[in-house]
PDB file of N, CA and C in Angstrom:
ATOM      1  N   MET A   1     101.683 100.031 129.913  1.00  0.00           N
ATOM      2  CA  MET A   1     101.008 101.210 129.106  1.00  0.00           C
ATOM      3  C   MET A   1     101.966 102.220 128.486  1.00  0.00           C
ATOM      4  N   ARG A   2     103.107 102.646 128.563  1.00  0.00           N
ATOM      5  CA  ARG A   2     104.444 102.690 127.708  1.00  0.00           C
ATOM      6  C   ARG A   2     104.197 102.409 126.775  1.00  0.00           C
ATOM      7  N   ILE A   3     104.511 101.249 126.972  1.00  0.00           N
ATOM      8  CA  ILE A   3     104.989 100.308 124.929  1.00  0.00           C
ATOM      9  C   ILE A   3     103.995 100.462 124.317  1.00  0.00           C
ATOM     10  N   LEU A   4     102.949 100.323 125.063  1.00  0.00           N
ATOM     11  CA  LEU A   4     101.565 100.522 124.160  1.00  0.00           C
ATOM     12  C   LEU A   4     101.378 101.667 123.059  1.00  0.00           C
ATOM     13  N   LEU A   5     101.483 102.799 123.980  1.00  0.00           N
ATOM     14  CA  LEU A   5     101.777 104.243 123.356  1.00  0.00           C
ATOM     15  C   LEU A   5     102.813 104.369 122.813  1.00  0.00           C
ATOM     16  N   PHE A   6     103.863 104.286 122.640  1.00  0.00           N
ATOM     17  CA  PHE A   6     105.046 103.736 121.775  1.00  0.00           C
ATOM     18  C   PHE A   6     104.860 103.104 120.666  1.00  0.00           C
ATOM     19  N   ILE A   7     104.241 102.323 120.628  1.00  0.00           N
ATOM     20  CA  ILE A   7     103.875 101.323 119.970  1.00  0.00           C
ATOM     21  C   ILE A   7     102.682 101.783 118.582  1.00  0.00           C
ATOM     22  N   LEU A   8     101.996 102.616 119.302  1.00  0.00           N
ATOM     23  CA  LEU A   8     101.496 103.321 118.498  1.00  0.00           C
ATOM     24  C   LEU A   8     101.612 104.327 117.507  1.00  0.00           C
ATOM     25  N   ALA A   9     103.003 104.975 118.082  1.00  0.00           N
ATOM     26  CA  ALA A   9     103.441 106.669 117.865  1.00  0.00           C
ATOM     27  C   ALA A   9     104.400 105.823 116.902  1.00  0.00           C
ATOM     28  N   ILE A  10     104.693 104.504 116.301  1.00  0.00           N
ATOM     29  CA  ILE A  10     105.695 104.068 115.683  1.00  0.00           C
ATOM     30  C   ILE A  10     104.673 103.793 114.448  1.00  0.00           C
ATOM     31  N   PHE A  11     103.589 102.797 114.912  1.00  0.00           N
ATOM     32  CA  PHE A  11     102.607 102.683 113.791  1.00  0.00           C
ATOM     33  C   PHE A  11     102.450 104.395 112.987  1.00  0.00           C
ATOM     34  N   VAL A  12     101.768 105.139 113.929  1.00  0.00           N
ATOM     35  CA  VAL A  12     101.467 106.643 113.245  1.00  0.00           C
ATOM     36  C   VAL A  12     102.512 106.911 112.408  1.00  0.00           C
ATOM     37  N   VAL A  13     103.559 107.297 112.976  1.00  0.00           N
ATOM     38  CA  VAL A  13     105.125 107.398 112.401  1.00  0.00           C
ATOM     39  C   VAL A  13     105.053 107.019 111.189  1.00  0.00           C
ATOM     40  N   SER A  14     105.260 105.398 111.078  1.00  0.00           N
ATOM     41  CA  SER A  14     105.109 104.871 109.615  1.00  0.00           C
ATOM     42  C   SER A  14     103.798 105.352 108.681  1.00  0.00           C
ATOM     43  N   ALA A  15     102.975 105.509 108.953  1.00  0.00           N
ATOM     44  CA  ALA A  15     101.788 105.381 108.027  1.00  0.00           C
ATOM     45  C   ALA A  15     101.882 107.207 107.622  1.00  0.00           C
ATOM     46  N   GLY A  16     102.479 107.670 108.409  1.00  0.00           N
ATOM     47  CA  GLY A  16     102.814 108.699 107.825  1.00  0.00           C
ATOM     48  C   GLY A  16     103.592 109.300 106.657  1.00  0.00           C
ATOM     49  N   ILE A  17     104.423 108.221 106.734  1.00  0.00           N
ATOM     50  CA  ILE A  17     105.437 108.947 106.132  1.00  0.00           C
ATOM     51  C   ILE A  17     105.582 107.830 104.700  1.00  0.00           C
ATOM     52  N   GLY A  18     104.934 106.828 104.957  1.00  0.00           N
ATOM     53  CA  GLY A  18     104.837 105.974 103.224  1.00  0.00           C
ATOM     54  C   GLY A  18     104.084 106.876 102.574  1.00  0.00           C
ATOM     55  N   THR A  19     104.543 106.451 100.959  1.00  0.00           N
ATOM     56  CA  THR A  19     104.088 106.285 100.053  1.00  0.00           C
ATOM     57  C   THR A  19     102.621 105.626  99.019  1.00  0.00           C
ATOM     58  N   ARG A  20     101.806 106.382  98.465  1.00  0.00           N
ATOM     59  CA  ARG A  20     100.265 105.851  98.731  1.00  0.00           C
ATOM     60  C   ARG A  20     101.021 105.259  97.126  1.00  0.00           C
ATOM     61  N   ALA A  21     100.000 104.164  97.138  1.00  0.00           N
ATOM     62  CA  ALA A  21     100.085 103.061  96.590  1.00  0.00           C
ATOM     63  C   ALA A  21      99.379 103.463  95.275  1.00  0.00           C
ATOM     64  N   GLU A  22      99.797 103.479  94.200  1.00  0.00           N
ATOM     65  CA  GLU A  22      99.437 103.785  92.705  1.00  0.00           C
ATOM     66  C   GLU A  22      99.224 102.413  91.920  1.00  0.00           C
ATOM     67  N   ALA A  23      98.319 102.366  91.386  1.00  0.00           N
ATOM     68  CA  ALA A  23      97.922 101.067  89.688  1.00  0.00           C
ATOM     69  C   ALA A  23      98.846 102.262  89.027  1.00  0.00           C
ATOM     70  N   GLN A  24      99.481 101.423  88.218  1.00  0.00           N
ATOM     71  CA  GLN A  24     100.072 101.358  86.797  1.00  0.00           C
ATOM     72  C   GLN A  24      99.214 101.778  86.145  1.00  0.00           C
ATOM     73  N   ASN A  25      99.900 102.576  85.598  1.00  0.00           N
ATOM     74  CA  ASN A  25      99.306 103.374  83.518  1.00  0.00           C
ATOM     75  C   ASN A  25      99.905 103.037  82.668  1.00  0.00           C
ATOM     76  N   TYR A  26      99.164 102.714  81.623  1.00  0.00           N
ATOM     77  CA  TYR A  26     100.375 101.956  80.479  1.00  0.00           C
ATOM     78  C   TYR A  26      99.592 102.315  79.104  1.00  0.00           C
ATOM     79  N   PRO A  27      99.787 102.706  78.216  1.00  0.00           N
ATOM     80  CA  PRO A  27      98.683 102.849  77.054  1.00  0.00           C
ATOM     81  C   PRO A  27      98.571 102.016  76.350  1.00  0.00           C
ATOM     82  N   TRP A  28      99.499 100.813  76.551  1.00  0.00           N
ATOM     83  CA  TRP A  28      98.890  99.777  74.997  1.00  0.00           C
ATOM     84  C   TRP A  28      98.088  98.179  75.946  1.00  0.00           C
ATOM     85  N   CYS A  29      97.104  97.599  75.982  1.00  0.00           N
ATOM     86  CA  CYS A  29      96.657  96.660  75.955  1.00  0.00           C
ATOM     87  C   CYS A  29      96.416  95.157  75.062  1.00  0.00           C
ATOM     88  N   ALA A  30      97.270  94.403  75.516  1.00  0.00           N
ATOM     89  CA  ALA A  30      96.999  93.028  74.723  1.00  0.00           C
ATOM     90  C   ALA A  30      95.364  91.982  75.321  1.00  0.00           C
ATOM     91  N   LEU A  31      94.744  91.987  74.149  1.00  0.00           N
ATOM     92  CA  LEU A  31      94.234  91.331  74.337  1.00  0.00           C
ATOM     93  C   LEU A  31      93.988  89.816  73.927  1.00  0.00           C
ATOM     94  N   TYR A  32      94.597  88.677  74.492  1.00  0.00           N
ATOM     95  CA  TYR A  32      95.005  87.296  74.641  1.00  0.00           C
ATOM     96  C   TYR A  32      93.496  86.559  73.984  1.00  0.00           C
ATOM     97  N   SER A  33      93.648  86.059  72.861  1.00  0.00           N
ATOM     98  CA  SER A  33      92.451  85.142  71.649  1.00  0.00           C
ATOM     99  C   SER A  33      92.732  83.734  72.729  1.00  0.00           C
ATOM    100  N   GLY A  34      91.711  82.730  72.029  1.00  0.00           N
ATOM    101  CA  GLY A  34      91.574  81.598  73.005  1.00  0.00           C
ATOM    102  C   GLY A  34      90.614  81.420  73.896  1.00  0.00           C
ATOM    103  N   PRO A  35      90.264  80.141  74.121  1.00  0.00           N
ATOM    104  CA  PRO A  35      89.835  80.030  74.799  1.00  0.00           C
ATOM    105  C   PRO A  35      89.564  80.893  76.878  1.00  0.00           C
ATOM    106  N   GLY A  36      88.689  81.701  77.418  1.00  0.00           N
ATOM    107  CA  GLY A  36      89.185  82.132  77.997  1.00  0.00           C
ATOM    108  C   GLY A  36      90.293  83.349  77.992  1.00  0.00           C
ATOM    109  N   GLY A  37      90.024  84.132  76.844  1.00  0.00           N
ATOM    110  CA  GLY A  37      91.388  84.756  76.905  1.00  0.00           C
ATOM    111  C   GLY A  37      91.120  85.873  78.192  1.00  0.00           C
ATOM    112  N   GLY A  38      92.104  86.553  77.420  1.00  0.00           N
ATOM    113  CA  GLY A  38      92.590  88.182  78.988  1.00  0.00           C
ATOM    114  C   GLY A  38      93.057  89.332  78.406  1.00  0.00           C
ATOM    115  N   THR A  39      92.739  90.361  78.948  1.00  0.00           N
ATOM    116  CA  THR A  39      93.444  91.622  79.347  1.00  0.00           C
ATOM    117  C   THR A  39      95.035  91.675  79.732  1.00  0.00           C
ATOM    118  N   ASN A  40      95.828  92.074  78.803  1.00  0.00           N
ATOM    119  CA  ASN A  40      96.567  93.157  80.298  1.00  0.00           C
ATOM    120  C   ASN A  40      97.161  94.208  79.404  1.00  0.00           C
ATOM    121  N   CYS A  41      96.858  95.271  80.629  1.00  0.00           N
ATOM    122  CA  CYS A  41      97.432  96.495  79.836  1.00  0.00           C
ATOM    123  C   CYS A  41      98.328  96.596  80.851  1.00  0.00           C
ATOM    124  N   GLY A  42      99.422  96.993  80.126  1.00  0.00           N
ATOM    125  CA  GLY A  42     100.336  96.731  80.902  1.00  0.00           C
ATOM    126  C   GLY A  42     101.962  97.271  79.711  1.00  0.00           C
ATOM    127  N   PHE A  43     101.724  97.493  78.724  1.00  0.00           N
ATOM    128  CA  PHE A  43     102.986  97.786  77.924  1.00  0.00           C
ATOM    129  C   PHE A  43     102.901  99.125  78.017  1.00  0.00           C
ATOM    130  N   THR A  44     104.139  99.237  77.619  1.00  0.00           N
ATOM    131  CA  THR A  44     104.222 100.829  77.616  1.00  0.00           C
ATOM    132  C   THR A  44     105.195 101.415  76.282  1.00  0.00           C
ATOM    133  N   SER A  45     104.819 100.323  74.219  1.00  0.00           N
ATOM    134  CA  SER A  45     104.709 100.104  73.620  1.00  0.00           C
ATOM    135  C   SER A  45     104.244  99.459  72.782  1.00  0.00           C
ATOM    136  N   PHE A  46     103.742  99.928  71.168  1.00  0.00           N
ATOM    137  CA  PHE A  46     102.982  99.188  71.017  1.00  0.00           C
ATOM    138  C   PHE A  46     103.847  97.987  70.255  1.00  0.00           C
ATOM    139  N   GLU A  47     105.219  97.598  70.041  1.00  0.00           N
ATOM    140  CA  GLU A  47     105.650  97.112  69.481  1.00  0.00           C
ATOM    141  C   GLU A  47     106.029  95.659  70.744  1.00  0.00           C
ATOM    142  N   GLN A  48     106.274  96.344  71.831  1.00  0.00           N
ATOM    143  CA  GLN A  48     106.128  95.501  73.136  1.00  0.00           C
ATOM    144  C   GLN A  48     104.857  94.573  73.463  1.00  0.00           C
ATOM    145  N   CYS A  49     103.879  95.258  73.008  1.00  0.00           N
ATOM    146  CA  CYS A  49     102.764  94.545  73.016  1.00  0.00           C
ATOM    147  C   CYS A  49     103.169  93.041  72.257  1.00  0.00           C
ATOM    148  N   MET A  50     103.155  94.042  71.089  1.00  0.00           N
ATOM    149  CA  MET A  50     103.118  92.601  70.015  1.00  0.00           C
ATOM    150  C   MET A  50     103.744  91.496  70.027  1.00  0.00           C
ATOM    151  N   ASP A  51     105.188  92.501  70.354  1.00  0.00           N
ATOM    152  CA  ASP A  51     106.055  91.281  70.948  1.00  0.00           C
ATOM    153  C   ASP A  51     105.721  89.820  71.757  1.00  0.00           C
ATOM    154  N   THR A  52     105.112  90.529  72.524  1.00  0.00           N
ATOM    155  CA  THR A  52     104.463  89.047  73.952  1.00  0.00           C
ATOM    156  C   THR A  52     103.274  88.572  73.131  1.00  0.00           C
ATOM    157  N   LEU A  53     102.344  89.251  72.341  1.00  0.00           N
ATOM    158  CA  LEU A  53     101.463  87.569  71.586  1.00  0.00           C
ATOM    159  C   LEU A  53     101.762  86.948  70.481  1.00  0.00           C
ATOM    160  N   ARG A  54     102.919  87.262  70.257  1.00  0.00           N
ATOM    161  CA  ARG A  54     103.798  86.089  68.801  1.00  0.00           C
ATOM    162  C   ARG A  54     103.060  84.695  69.742  1.00  0.00           C
ATOM    163  N   GLY A  55     102.663  84.105  68.759  1.00  0.00           N
ATOM    164  CA  GLY A  55     102.723  82.929  68.936  1.00  0.00           C
ATOM    165  C   GLY A  55     101.473  82.437  69.801  1.00  0.00           C
ATOM    166  N   ILE A  56     100.853  82.895  70.670  1.00  0.00           N
ATOM    167  CA  ILE A  56      99.986  82.949  71.391  1.00  0.00           C
ATOM    168  C   ILE A  56      98.723  83.309  71.116  1.00  0.00           C
ATOM    169  N   GLY A  57      99.218  84.572  69.890  1.00  0.00           N
ATOM    170  CA  GLY A  57      97.493  85.271  69.211  1.00  0.00           C
ATOM    171  C   GLY A  57      97.698  85.917  69.977  1.00  0.00           C
ATOM    172  N   GLY A  58      96.302  86.903  69.609  1.00  0.00           N
ATOM    173  CA  GLY A  58      95.679  88.287  69.981  1.00  0.00           C
ATOM    174  C   GLY A  58      95.978  89.694  69.613  1.00  0.00           C
ATOM    175  N   PHE A  59      95.628  90.366  69.879  1.00  0.00           N
ATOM    176  CA  PHE A  59      96.019  91.673  69.234  1.00  0.00           C
ATOM    177  C   PHE A  59      96.265  93.215  70.071  1.00  0.00           C
ATOM    178  N   CYS A  60      96.368  93.952  69.719  1.00  0.00           N
ATOM    179  CA  CYS A  60      96.876  95.230  70.942  1.00  0.00           C
ATOM    180  C   CYS A  60      96.105  96.185  70.424  1.00  0.00           C
ATOM    181  N   ASN A  61      95.149  96.347  71.018  1.00  0.00           N
ATOM    182  CA  ASN A  61      94.339  98.173  71.838  1.00  0.00           C
ATOM    183  C   ASN A  61      95.534  99.271  71.998  1.00  0.00           C
ATOM    184  N   GLN A  62      94.593 100.435  71.677  1.00  0.00           N
ATOM    185  CA  GLN A  62      95.149 101.445  73.204  1.00  0.00           C
ATOM    186  C   GLN A  62      94.891 101.342  74.085  1.00  0.00           C
ATOM    187  N   ASN A  63      94.798 101.441  75.537  1.00  0.00           N
ATOM    188  CA  ASN A  63      94.501 101.709  76.701  1.00  0.00           C
ATOM    189  C   ASN A  63      93.420 102.896  76.701  1.00  0.00           C
ATOM    190  N   PRO A  64      91.737 102.317  77.050  1.00  0.00           N
ATOM    191  CA  PRO A  64      91.321 104.100  76.886  1.00  0.00           C
ATOM    192  C   PRO A  64      90.926 104.380  78.784  1.00  0.00           C
ATOM    193  N   GLN A  65      91.409 103.657  79.391  1.00  0.00           N
ATOM    194  CA  GLN A  65      91.813 104.390  80.358  1.00  0.00           C
ATOM    195  C   GLN A  65      93.238 105.078  81.132  1.00  0.00           C
ATOM    196  N   TYR A  66      93.616 105.684  79.760  1.00  0.00           N
ATOM    197  CA  TYR A  66      95.319 105.477  79.944  1.00  0.00           C
ATOM    198  C   TYR A  66      95.643 106.949  80.111  1.00  0.00           C
ATOM    199  N   ASN A  67      96.012 107.345  81.183  1.00  0.00           N
ATOM    200  CA  ASN A  67      96.069 109.039  81.190  1.00  0.00           C
ATOM    201  C   ASN A  67      97.789 109.417  81.451  1.00  0.00           C
ATOM    202  N   PRO A  68      98.317 109.993  80.469  1.00  0.00           N
ATOM    203  CA  PRO A  68      99.846 110.790  80.368  1.00  0.00           C
ATOM    204  C   PRO A  68     100.188 111.523  81.176  1.00  0.00           C
ATOM    205  N   PRO A  69     101.031 111.533  81.767  1.00  0.00           N
ATOM    206  CA  PRO A  69     101.913 111.575  82.557  1.00  0.00           C
ATOM    207  C   PRO A  69     102.158 113.201  82.155  1.00  0.00           C
ATOM    208  N   ALA A  70     102.255 114.433  82.896  1.00  0.00           N
ATOM    209  CA  ALA A  70     101.621 116.049  82.507  1.00  0.00           C
ATOM    210  C   ALA A  70     102.618 115.942  81.814  1.00  0.00           C
ATOM    211  N   GLY A  71     102.484 116.920  80.778  1.00  0.00           N
ATOM    212  CA  GLY A  71     103.656 117.418  79.252  1.00  0.00           C
ATOM    213  C   GLY A  71     104.009 116.278  78.852  1.00  0.00           C
ATOM    214  N   GLN A  72     102.881 114.976  78.410  1.00  0.00           N
ATOM    215  CA  GLN A  72     103.338 114.227  77.155  1.00  0.00           C
ATOM    216  C   GLN A  72     101.764 113.310  76.672  1.00  0.00           C
ATOM    217  N   SER A  73     101.518 113.535  75.164  1.00  0.00           N
ATOM    218  CA  SER A  73     100.381 113.521  74.529  1.00  0.00           C
ATOM    219  C   SER A  73     100.494 111.614  74.660  1.00  0.00           C
ATOM    220  N   ALA A  74      98.884 111.445  74.508  1.00  0.00           N
ATOM    221  CA  ALA A  74      98.328 109.774  74.762  1.00  0.00           C
ATOM    222  C   ALA A  74      99.181 108.862  73.545  1.00  0.00           C
ATOM    223  N   PRO A  75      99.550 107.987  72.911  1.00  0.00           N
ATOM    224  CA  PRO A  75      99.856 107.180  71.913  1.00  0.00           C
ATOM    225  C   PRO A  75      98.929 107.091  71.054  1.00  0.00           C
ATOM    226  N   ARG A  76      99.735 107.464  69.344  1.00  0.00           N
ATOM    227  CA  ARG A  76      98.496 107.450  68.052  1.00  0.00           C
ATOM    228  C   ARG A  76      98.438 106.187  67.781  1.00  0.00           C
ATOM    229  N   ALA A  77      96.918 105.941  67.451  1.00  0.00           N
ATOM    230  CA  ALA A  77      96.325 104.271  66.984  1.00  0.00           C
ATOM    231  C   ALA A  77      97.660 103.970  66.046  1.00  0.00           C
ATOM    232  N   ARG A  78      98.039 102.490  65.487  1.00  0.00           N
ATOM    233  CA  ARG A  78      98.838 102.291  65.035  1.00  0.00           C
ATOM    234  C   ARG A  78      97.902 100.834  63.853  1.00  0.00           C
ATOM    235  N   LYS A  79      98.104 101.225  62.987  1.00  0.00           N
ATOM    236  CA  LYS A  79      97.348  99.659  62.372  1.00  0.00           C
ATOM    237  C   LYS A  79      97.953  98.499  61.747  1.00  0.00           C
ATOM    238  N   HIS A  80      97.669  97.887  61.711  1.00  0.00           N
ATOM    239  CA  HIS A  80      98.246  96.708  61.768  1.00  0.00           C
ATOM    240  C   HIS A  80      98.778  96.028  60.377  1.00  0.00           C
ATOM    241  N   SER A  81      99.560  95.511  59.934  1.00  0.00           N
ATOM    242  CA  SER A  81      99.779  94.767  58.677  1.00  0.00           C
ATOM    243  C   SER A  81     100.267  93.645  58.903  1.00  0.00           C
TER     244      SER A  81
END
């Protein structure tokens, strides 16, 4: 019985210490072209997004669900050249 209580105590303490997981929040999304294209909203800059798409096709858009951290502003839209 003591072992069970000890294990339970360890579990409760470790659950209380852990930090909560949060989804990453990035301002740019790559929209891949081609059959079954997909979306990847994991880019911190427009240039990074475009570099990823070079050679495979697609385009970059601002992430509509992006919430910048306090003190920062959302990225401005860029025109494709």
